[in-house]
Amino acid sequence: MRFPTRLAHLATVKVVAAKLAPAFALAHRVDEDEARDRLEHGLPGALLDDLLEATWLELQAQSKRFDEARALEKIAETLKDRPLRPGRAAEVSAELAAFYVLVDVAAGTASEAARRLMETDAGRAKGELGMASAARQLARELTRGA
């Protein structure tokens, strides 16, 4: 595994969906419940693993002396009382929008044109930038309460 198992136990699909739903809702112009449902359907599997790996790398990059145990405790403390507390709505950049397209493709709700676009080299490159942007947002949300 490319990140600690405990991170996956803390940042479950439901937790990640709750943290990303407000920004996803803004980007798609849907309500937060719809956004959360779409995220919960699109994230499981490889996409969630990739997001958690990118989030872990982001957490490591934020500290000169990264301590894995301390980072995991901080996340656990943040999620302790209200793990499904919605995250803050992030400004939707082109990169973050590309990540949301990846979620839509994984959930089966993306248009055929969007699906084809994400299969191109340029689409994959935007998807990677989007993954990094979503990871930054998720890292902030997982550590903001502690």
Protein backbone atom coordinates (compact mmCIF):
# COMPACT_ATOMS: atom_id res chain seq x y z
CA MET A 1 0.00 0.00 0.00
CA ARG A 2 1.29 3.44 -0.92
CA PHE A 3 -0.01 5.08 2.26
CA PRO A 4 -0.62 3.83 5.81
CA THR A 5 -3.52 1.45 6.22
CA ARG A 6 -4.78 3.59 9.08
CA LEU A 7 -5.31 6.50 6.68
CA ALA A 8 -7.73 4.36 4.68
CA HIS A 9 -9.50 3.39 7.90
CA LEU A 10 -9.88 7.05 8.87
CA ALA A 11 -10.56 8.56 5.45
CA THR A 12 -13.26 6.20 4.23
CA VAL A 13 -15.29 6.78 1.08
CA LYS A 14 -18.06 8.42 3.13
CA VAL A 15 -15.63 10.71 4.97
CA VAL A 16 -13.83 11.76 1.77
CA ALA A 17 -17.15 12.32 0.00
CA ALA A 18 -18.38 14.52 2.86
CA LYS A 19 -15.20 16.59 2.81
CA LEU A 20 -15.22 17.12 -0.98
CA ALA A 21 -18.99 17.41 -1.53
CA PRO A 22 -19.41 21.20 -1.05
CA ALA A 23 -16.87 22.05 -3.77
CA PHE A 24 -18.17 19.27 -6.02
CA ALA A 25 -21.70 20.65 -5.57
CA LEU A 26 -20.58 24.14 -6.57
CA ALA A 27 -18.73 22.85 -9.62
CA HIS A 28 -21.67 20.76 -10.82
CA ARG A 29 -24.41 23.12 -9.63
CA VAL A 30 -26.15 20.37 -7.67
CA ASP A 31 -27.11 20.18 -4.01
CA GLU A 32 -24.66 18.72 -1.51
CA ASP A 33 -26.63 15.49 -1.06
CA GLU A 34 -26.46 14.79 -4.79
CA ALA A 35 -22.76 15.70 -4.80
CA ARG A 36 -22.06 13.36 -1.90
CA ASP A 37 -23.94 10.51 -3.61
CA ARG A 38 -22.01 11.00 -6.84
CA LEU A 39 -18.71 11.08 -4.97
CA GLU A 40 -19.62 7.94 -3.02
CA HIS A 41 -20.31 6.13 -6.29
CA GLY A 42 -17.27 7.41 -8.16
CA LEU A 43 -14.55 7.22 -5.51
CA PRO A 44 -14.39 3.56 -4.42
CA GLY A 45 -11.51 1.56 -5.82
CA ALA A 46 -8.45 2.85 -7.63
CA LEU A 47 -9.57 6.48 -7.66
CA LEU A 48 -9.85 6.60 -3.85
CA ASP A 49 -6.51 4.82 -3.46
CA ASP A 50 -4.85 7.32 -5.81
CA LEU A 51 -6.45 10.24 -3.95
CA LEU A 52 -5.34 8.93 -0.56
CA GLU A 53 -1.81 8.39 -1.87
CA ALA A 54 -1.70 11.94 -3.24
CA THR A 55 -3.14 13.26 0.04
CA TRP A 56 -0.49 11.39 2.03
CA LEU A 57 2.24 12.84 -0.19
CA GLU A 58 0.74 16.31 0.32
CA LEU A 59 0.76 15.84 4.09
CA GLN A 60 4.39 14.76 3.95
CA ALA A 61 5.31 17.79 1.82
CA GLN A 62 3.75 20.17 4.36
CA SER A 63 6.28 19.34 7.06
CA LYS A 64 10.07 19.41 7.11
CA ARG A 65 10.14 16.73 9.80
CA PHE A 66 7.15 14.61 8.91
CA ASP A 67 6.01 12.23 11.65
CA GLU A 68 3.65 9.57 10.34
CA ALA A 69 2.17 8.73 13.75
CA ARG A 70 1.58 12.40 14.58
CA ALA A 71 -0.08 13.04 11.21
CA LEU A 72 -2.41 10.08 11.64
CA GLU A 73 -3.28 11.16 15.19
CA LYS A 74 -4.06 14.67 13.95
CA ILE A 75 -6.40 13.23 11.32
CA ALA A 76 -8.04 10.95 13.90
CA GLU A 77 -8.53 13.89 16.26
CA THR A 78 -10.05 16.00 13.47
CA LEU A 79 -12.49 13.24 12.53
CA LYS A 80 -13.23 12.05 16.08
CA ASP A 81 -16.44 13.92 16.88
CA ARG A 82 -17.92 14.60 13.45
CA PRO A 83 -16.24 12.55 10.72
CA LEU A 84 -18.96 13.33 8.18
CA ARG A 85 -18.88 17.08 8.79
CA PRO A 86 -18.93 18.69 5.34
CA GLY A 87 -15.73 20.27 4.16
CA ARG A 88 -15.40 23.85 3.08
CA ALA A 89 -16.32 24.74 -0.45
CA ALA A 90 -13.07 25.26 -2.33
CA GLU A 91 -12.70 27.58 -5.27
CA VAL A 92 -13.16 25.40 -8.33
CA SER A 93 -10.08 25.62 -10.52
CA ALA A 94 -9.59 23.94 -13.88
CA GLU A 95 -7.48 21.31 -12.13
CA LEU A 96 -10.10 20.56 -9.50
CA ALA A 97 -12.76 20.40 -12.23
CA ALA A 98 -10.62 17.79 -14.01
CA PHE A 99 -10.64 15.67 -10.85
CA TYR A 100 -14.42 15.95 -10.70
CA VAL A 101 -14.58 14.71 -14.29
CA LEU A 102 -12.50 11.70 -13.19
CA VAL A 103 -15.06 11.05 -10.46
CA ASP A 104 -17.90 11.33 -12.99
CA VAL A 105 -16.12 8.94 -15.35
CA ALA A 106 -15.63 6.44 -12.52
CA ALA A 107 -19.27 6.82 -11.43
CA GLY A 108 -20.54 6.41 -14.99
CA THR A 109 -22.20 9.84 -15.05
CA ALA A 110 -19.75 11.59 -17.39
CA SER A 111 -20.73 12.35 -20.97
CA GLU A 112 -19.11 10.35 -23.74
CA ALA A 113 -17.21 13.48 -24.81
CA ALA A 114 -15.81 13.95 -21.30
CA ARG A 115 -14.86 10.29 -21.13
CA ARG A 116 -13.02 10.49 -24.46
CA LEU A 117 -11.28 13.71 -23.42
CA MET A 118 -9.94 12.14 -20.23
CA GLU A 119 -8.49 9.27 -22.29
CA THR A 120 -6.22 11.64 -24.24
CA ASP A 121 -2.70 12.55 -23.10
CA ALA A 122 -3.87 16.09 -22.31
CA GLY A 123 -6.85 14.74 -20.36
CA ARG A 124 -4.65 12.39 -18.34
CA ALA A 125 -2.27 15.27 -17.59
CA LYS A 126 -5.17 17.46 -16.40
CA GLY A 127 -6.45 14.53 -14.36
CA GLU A 128 -3.09 14.23 -12.59
CA LEU A 129 -3.11 17.96 -11.81
CA GLY A 130 -6.70 17.59 -10.61
CA MET A 131 -5.74 14.71 -8.35
CA ALA A 132 -3.02 16.85 -6.76
CA SER A 133 -5.46 19.74 -6.29
CA ALA A 134 -8.09 17.47 -4.71
CA ALA A 135 -5.39 15.97 -2.48
CA ARG A 136 -4.42 19.45 -1.22
CA GLN A 137 -8.05 20.17 -0.44
CA LEU A 138 -8.54 16.83 1.30
CA ALA A 139 -5.32 17.23 3.32
CA ARG A 140 -6.56 20.61 4.57
CA GLU A 141 -9.95 19.16 5.49
CA LEU A 142 -8.50 16.13 7.28
CA THR A 143 -6.26 18.27 9.46
CA ARG A 144 -8.20 21.51 9.95
CA GLY A 145 -9.92 20.70 13.22
CA ALA A 146 -6.94 19.54 15.19
